[in-house]
Protein backbone atom coordinates (compact mmCIF):
# COMPACT_ATOMS: atom_id res chain seq x y z
CA MET A 1 -13.44 31.05 -7.64
CA ASN A 2 -12.06 31.64 -4.11
CA ASP A 3 -13.24 28.22 -3.18
CA ALA A 4 -11.28 26.51 -6.01
CA THR A 5 -8.25 28.41 -5.17
CA GLU A 6 -8.54 27.18 -1.35
CA GLU A 7 -9.15 23.56 -2.66
CA GLU A 8 -6.24 23.83 -4.79
CA LYS A 9 -4.21 25.02 -1.74
CA GLU A 10 -5.32 21.84 0.28
CA LEU A 11 -4.22 19.85 -2.65
CA LEU A 12 -0.63 21.01 -2.41
CA HIS A 13 -0.48 19.71 1.04
CA ILE A 14 -0.96 16.07 -0.04
CA THR A 15 2.09 14.17 1.88
CA GLU A 16 0.49 10.74 1.85
CA LEU A 17 -0.12 8.24 -0.84
CA THR A 18 -1.19 4.33 -0.76
CA ARG A 19 1.09 2.07 -2.10
CA GLN A 20 -0.88 1.60 -5.45
CA GLN A 21 -1.12 5.28 -5.89
CA ARG A 22 2.52 5.73 -5.54
CA ARG A 23 3.05 3.06 -8.13
CA VAL A 24 0.55 4.56 -10.47
CA ILE A 25 1.87 8.16 -10.19
CA GLY A 26 5.45 7.00 -10.41
CA VAL A 27 4.61 5.02 -13.76
CA LEU A 28 2.86 8.04 -15.26
CA LEU A 29 5.89 10.18 -14.37
CA GLU A 30 8.47 7.72 -15.63
CA LYS A 31 6.81 7.07 -18.98
CA ALA A 32 6.14 10.89 -19.37
CA PHE A 33 9.98 11.22 -19.08
CA THR A 34 11.12 8.21 -20.86
CA THR A 35 8.77 7.45 -23.80
CA PRO A 36 6.87 10.69 -24.44
CA ASP A 37 5.73 9.33 -27.77
CA GLN A 38 3.38 6.99 -25.76
CA TYR A 39 2.27 9.39 -23.33
CA PRO A 40 -0.47 9.76 -21.96
CA LEU A 41 -1.22 6.22 -21.17
CA THR A 42 -4.06 3.87 -21.53
CA LEU A 43 -5.54 1.94 -18.58
CA LYS A 44 -3.75 -1.25 -20.01
CA ALA A 45 -0.36 0.72 -20.42
CA VAL A 46 -0.62 1.94 -16.94
CA THR A 47 -1.23 -1.54 -15.59
CA THR A 48 1.73 -3.02 -17.81
CA GLY A 49 3.73 -0.26 -16.35
CA CYS A 50 2.84 -1.00 -12.61
CA ASN A 51 3.70 -4.76 -13.09
CA GLN A 52 6.69 -4.71 -15.22
CA LYS A 53 9.71 -6.58 -13.88
CA SER A 54 12.56 -4.12 -14.07
CA ASN A 55 12.80 -1.06 -11.92
CA ARG A 56 10.11 -1.85 -9.60
CA ASP A 57 10.47 -2.94 -5.92
CA PRO A 58 8.42 -4.87 -5.04
CA VAL A 59 7.16 -6.47 -8.09
CA SER A 60 3.55 -6.35 -8.22
CA ASN A 61 0.38 -8.08 -10.24
CA TYR A 62 -2.36 -5.43 -10.08
CA SER A 63 -5.41 -6.01 -12.20
CA GLU A 64 -6.79 -3.57 -14.59
CA SER A 65 -9.85 -2.89 -12.39
CA GLN A 66 -7.50 -2.29 -9.43
CA ILE A 67 -5.41 0.21 -11.28
CA TYR A 68 -8.75 1.96 -12.73
CA ASP A 69 -9.86 2.46 -9.12
CA THR A 70 -6.34 3.92 -8.12
CA LEU A 71 -6.63 6.17 -11.10
CA ASP A 72 -10.13 7.27 -10.07
CA SER A 73 -8.88 8.03 -6.48
CA LEU A 74 -5.86 10.04 -8.18
CA ARG A 75 -8.10 12.05 -10.05
CA GLU A 76 -10.30 13.00 -7.14
CA MET A 77 -7.15 14.39 -5.54
CA GLY A 78 -6.29 16.39 -8.53
CA LEU A 79 -3.12 14.34 -9.38
CA VAL A 80 -4.30 12.65 -12.62
CA ALA A 81 -6.51 13.75 -15.37
CA VAL A 82 -8.23 11.86 -18.20
CA ILE A 83 -7.56 12.60 -21.78
CA HIS A 84 -9.82 11.42 -24.54
CA SER A 85 -8.35 10.42 -27.92
CA ASP A 86 -9.84 12.18 -31.04
CA SER A 87 -12.12 9.16 -31.79
CA GLY A 88 -13.32 9.46 -28.25
CA ARG A 89 -13.09 5.68 -27.76
CA THR A 90 -9.93 5.18 -25.66
CA GLU A 91 -9.30 7.11 -22.52
CA ARG A 92 -5.74 8.00 -21.56
CA TYR A 93 -4.23 9.15 -18.44
CA ARG A 94 -1.69 11.80 -17.48
CA HIS A 95 -0.18 13.09 -14.16
CA TYR A 96 -0.55 16.71 -12.96
CA MET A 97 2.18 16.76 -10.62
CA ARG A 98 3.60 19.99 -12.14
CA ARG A 99 0.22 21.52 -11.80
CA ARG A 100 0.02 20.75 -8.21
CA PHE A 101 3.52 21.16 -6.83
CA ASN A 102 6.64 23.49 -7.55
CA PHE A 103 8.94 20.58 -7.79
CA THR A 104 12.03 21.06 -10.20
CA GLU A 105 12.35 18.39 -13.09
CA PRO A 106 15.25 16.56 -11.20
CA GLN A 107 13.08 16.54 -8.01
CA LEU A 108 10.29 14.97 -10.07
CA ALA A 109 12.75 12.30 -11.50
CA ILE A 110 14.05 11.70 -7.88
CA LEU A 111 10.46 11.16 -6.53
CA THR A 112 9.69 8.88 -9.20
CA GLU A 113 12.39 6.53 -8.80
CA LEU A 114 11.91 6.42 -5.03
CA TRP A 115 8.11 6.03 -5.60
CA LEU A 116 8.92 3.06 -7.85
CA ARG A 117 11.73 1.39 -5.97
CA GLY A 118 11.88 2.70 -2.45
CA ARG A 119 14.98 3.38 -0.22
CA GLN A 120 18.40 3.69 -2.14
CA THR A 121 21.76 4.92 -1.80
CA MET A 122 22.89 8.24 -3.21
CA GLY A 123 24.82 6.63 -5.80
CA GLU A 124 21.99 4.35 -7.03
CA LEU A 125 19.38 7.10 -6.86
CA ARG A 126 21.51 9.41 -9.24
CA GLY A 127 22.04 6.77 -11.56
CA ARG A 128 18.51 5.66 -11.89
CA ALA A 129 17.00 9.18 -11.78
CA SER A 130 19.30 10.23 -14.53
CA ARG A 131 17.53 7.86 -16.84
CA MET A 132 14.73 10.74 -16.82
CA VAL A 133 16.59 13.84 -16.21
CA PRO A 134 20.28 14.58 -16.25
CA ILE A 135 21.85 14.99 -12.81
CA GLU A 136 25.59 14.95 -13.33
CA THR A 137 26.99 14.82 -10.05
CA LEU A 138 26.36 13.85 -6.19
CA ASP A 139 26.41 17.49 -5.32
CA GLU A 140 23.72 18.14 -7.78
CA LEU A 141 21.65 15.59 -6.22
CA ARG A 142 22.26 16.64 -2.85
CA THR A 143 21.09 20.16 -3.76
CA GLU A 144 17.72 18.74 -5.35
CA LEU A 145 17.38 16.50 -2.12
CA LYS A 146 17.89 19.18 0.32
CA GLY A 147 14.98 21.23 -1.00
CA LEU A 148 12.70 17.77 -0.73
CA LEU A 149 14.10 17.16 2.66
CA ASP A 150 13.27 20.69 3.81
CA GLN A 151 9.64 20.28 2.91
CA LYS A 152 9.65 16.59 4.37
CA TYR A 153 8.92 15.08 0.99
CA VAL A 154 11.75 12.62 1.37
CA GLN A 155 13.59 11.32 4.16
CA ALA A 156 17.26 10.09 5.03
CA ASN A 157 19.07 8.05 7.63
CA GLY A 158 21.67 10.57 8.04
CA SER A 159 23.68 13.75 6.76
CA LEU A 160 23.60 13.61 2.90
CA GLU A 161 27.37 14.57 3.04
CA ARG A 162 28.17 11.09 4.90
CA ARG A 163 29.23 7.98 2.71
CA GLY A 164 26.78 5.13 2.39
CA ILE A 165 23.63 7.19 3.46
CA GLU A 166 20.16 6.08 2.12
CA VAL A 167 17.41 8.09 1.07
CA ASP A 168 13.52 7.26 0.69
CA HIS A 169 10.30 9.34 -0.13
CA ASN A 170 8.17 10.22 2.80
CA TRP A 171 4.69 9.68 1.24
CA TYR A 172 3.99 6.51 3.36
CA GLN A 173 0.81 6.11 5.24
CA GLU A 174 1.08 6.50 8.92
CA ARG A 175 0.16 2.73 9.34
CA GLU A 176 3.17 1.57 7.07
CA GLY A 177 5.55 2.70 9.62
CA LYS A 178 8.18 3.44 6.95
CA THR A 179 10.73 5.85 8.63
CA LEU A 180 14.31 5.67 8.23
CA GLY A 181 16.01 5.77 11.39
CA PHE A 182 18.12 8.90 11.61
CA GLU A 183 21.71 8.19 12.92
CA ALA A 184 22.68 10.95 15.49
CA SER A 185 26.21 10.44 14.77
CA ALA A 186 25.79 11.44 11.08
CA GLU A 187 24.93 14.82 12.30
CA GLU A 188 27.60 15.00 15.14
CA GLU A 189 30.67 13.97 13.03
CA PRO A 190 31.98 17.54 12.75
CA GLU A 191 31.58 18.14 16.41
CA THR A 192 33.20 14.80 17.46
CA SER A 193 36.17 15.59 15.33
CA GLU A 194 36.98 18.57 17.09
CA LYS A 195 36.31 16.90 20.49
CA GLU A 196 38.88 14.39 19.70
CA SER A 197 41.52 16.74 20.20
CA SER A 198 40.57 16.66 24.07
CA PRO A 199 42.52 13.92 25.94
CA SER A 200 39.44 13.09 27.99
CA THR A 201 37.42 12.50 24.68
CA VAL A 202 40.21 10.28 23.21
CA THR A 203 40.38 8.29 26.28
CA ARG A 204 36.48 7.51 26.20
CA ALA A 205 36.52 6.81 22.43
CA ALA A 206 39.24 4.16 22.99
CA ALA A 207 37.15 2.24 25.66
CA PRO A 208 36.63 -1.04 23.88
CA ASP A 209 33.33 -1.71 25.52
CA LEU A 210 31.56 1.50 24.03
CA SER A 211 33.05 0.67 20.68
CA GLY A 212 31.69 -2.74 20.88
CA PHE A 213 28.16 -1.59 21.83
CA SER A 214 28.20 0.80 18.83
CA THR A 215 29.18 -1.88 16.40
CA VAL A 216 26.53 -4.23 17.66
CA ILE A 217 23.78 -1.41 17.59
CA GLU A 218 24.62 -0.46 14.03
CA GLN A 219 24.41 -4.13 12.91
CA LEU A 220 21.03 -4.50 14.63
CA GLN A 221 19.65 -1.42 13.12
CA HIS A 222 20.85 -2.76 9.53
CA ASP A 223 19.26 -6.14 10.21
CA ASN A 224 16.08 -4.58 11.50
CA GLN A 225 15.81 -2.38 8.29
CA SER A 226 16.31 -5.56 6.15
CA LEU A 227 13.56 -7.33 8.04
CA ARG A 228 11.26 -4.60 7.59
CA ARG A 229 11.84 -4.68 3.74
CA GLU A 230 11.14 -8.38 3.96
CA VAL A 231 7.87 -7.98 5.65
CA ASP A 232 6.52 -5.29 3.33
CA SER A 233 7.41 -7.34 0.45
CA LEU A 234 5.59 -10.34 2.00
CA SER A 235 2.78 -8.36 3.02
CA GLN A 236 2.30 -6.87 -0.35
CA SER A 237 2.18 -10.62 -1.92
CA LEU A 238 -0.24 -11.76 0.75
CA GLU A 239 -2.60 -8.62 -0.38
CA GLU A 240 -2.33 -9.56 -3.80
CA LEU A 241 -3.18 -13.22 -3.27
CA LYS A 242 -6.10 -12.11 -1.32
CA GLN A 243 -7.27 -9.94 -4.12
CA GLN A 244 -6.79 -12.87 -6.63
CA LEU A 245 -8.86 -15.09 -4.45
CA ILE A 246 -11.64 -12.72 -4.28
CA GLU A 247 -11.66 -12.36 -8.23
CA LEU A 248 -11.77 -16.05 -8.42
CA LYS A 249 -14.55 -16.74 -6.21
CA GLN A 250 -16.56 -13.88 -8.09
CA GLU A 251 -15.77 -15.70 -11.43
CA LEU A 252 -16.96 -19.03 -10.00
CA GLY A 253 -20.10 -17.23 -8.70
CA SER A 254 -19.43 -18.19 -5.09
């Protein structure tokens, strides 16, 4: 009994998932929220949900065998369970996120959306997550996000109070290198406002060379983030093409 309890405690510390694991968990959560009559899901339904063209970024083309293996790995982690139908013929799958974590319903919806689409602005995230759980205002979203930020389950590139801020989940594997660049100026805005009353501070802020450098750096950061997203998308496409080639060779017997 004690060993099982310790195992469950370890499961609560899961903070990394593969790209396929995030997609599968995201689909199970999304369908549980939006189409409860069709949930739990069959293997075919999970695969279709992972590869659907809407509300997915990047769009994938996983095979049923790939999704089966991913579901199996999630079962070992205690995040997914198999449910057998009354006839015993069709296996269905459900998530166990509520058993393994103390997330609120809005927090589950937020993570679902981030796992399925990646980084988003606050406005985009609120609108999309509200498909699953009502999140009436940005202030309500900030409250839920703060709890996730404190536990390092999500990340942001600045203060949640700042306009245009972007949010992403923080369940990437280390090799993916998906870390949002936190802008120091976002945290220092209130302090800067006070300092601007000082003549010396106003003089420094007015220097055109420093202002120009700041603009260039911000643009470079934005371009770099865009390039990262494009590279990630291309890498995913390459992985899928490699898998298709392997499957084709197996079918041809080579």
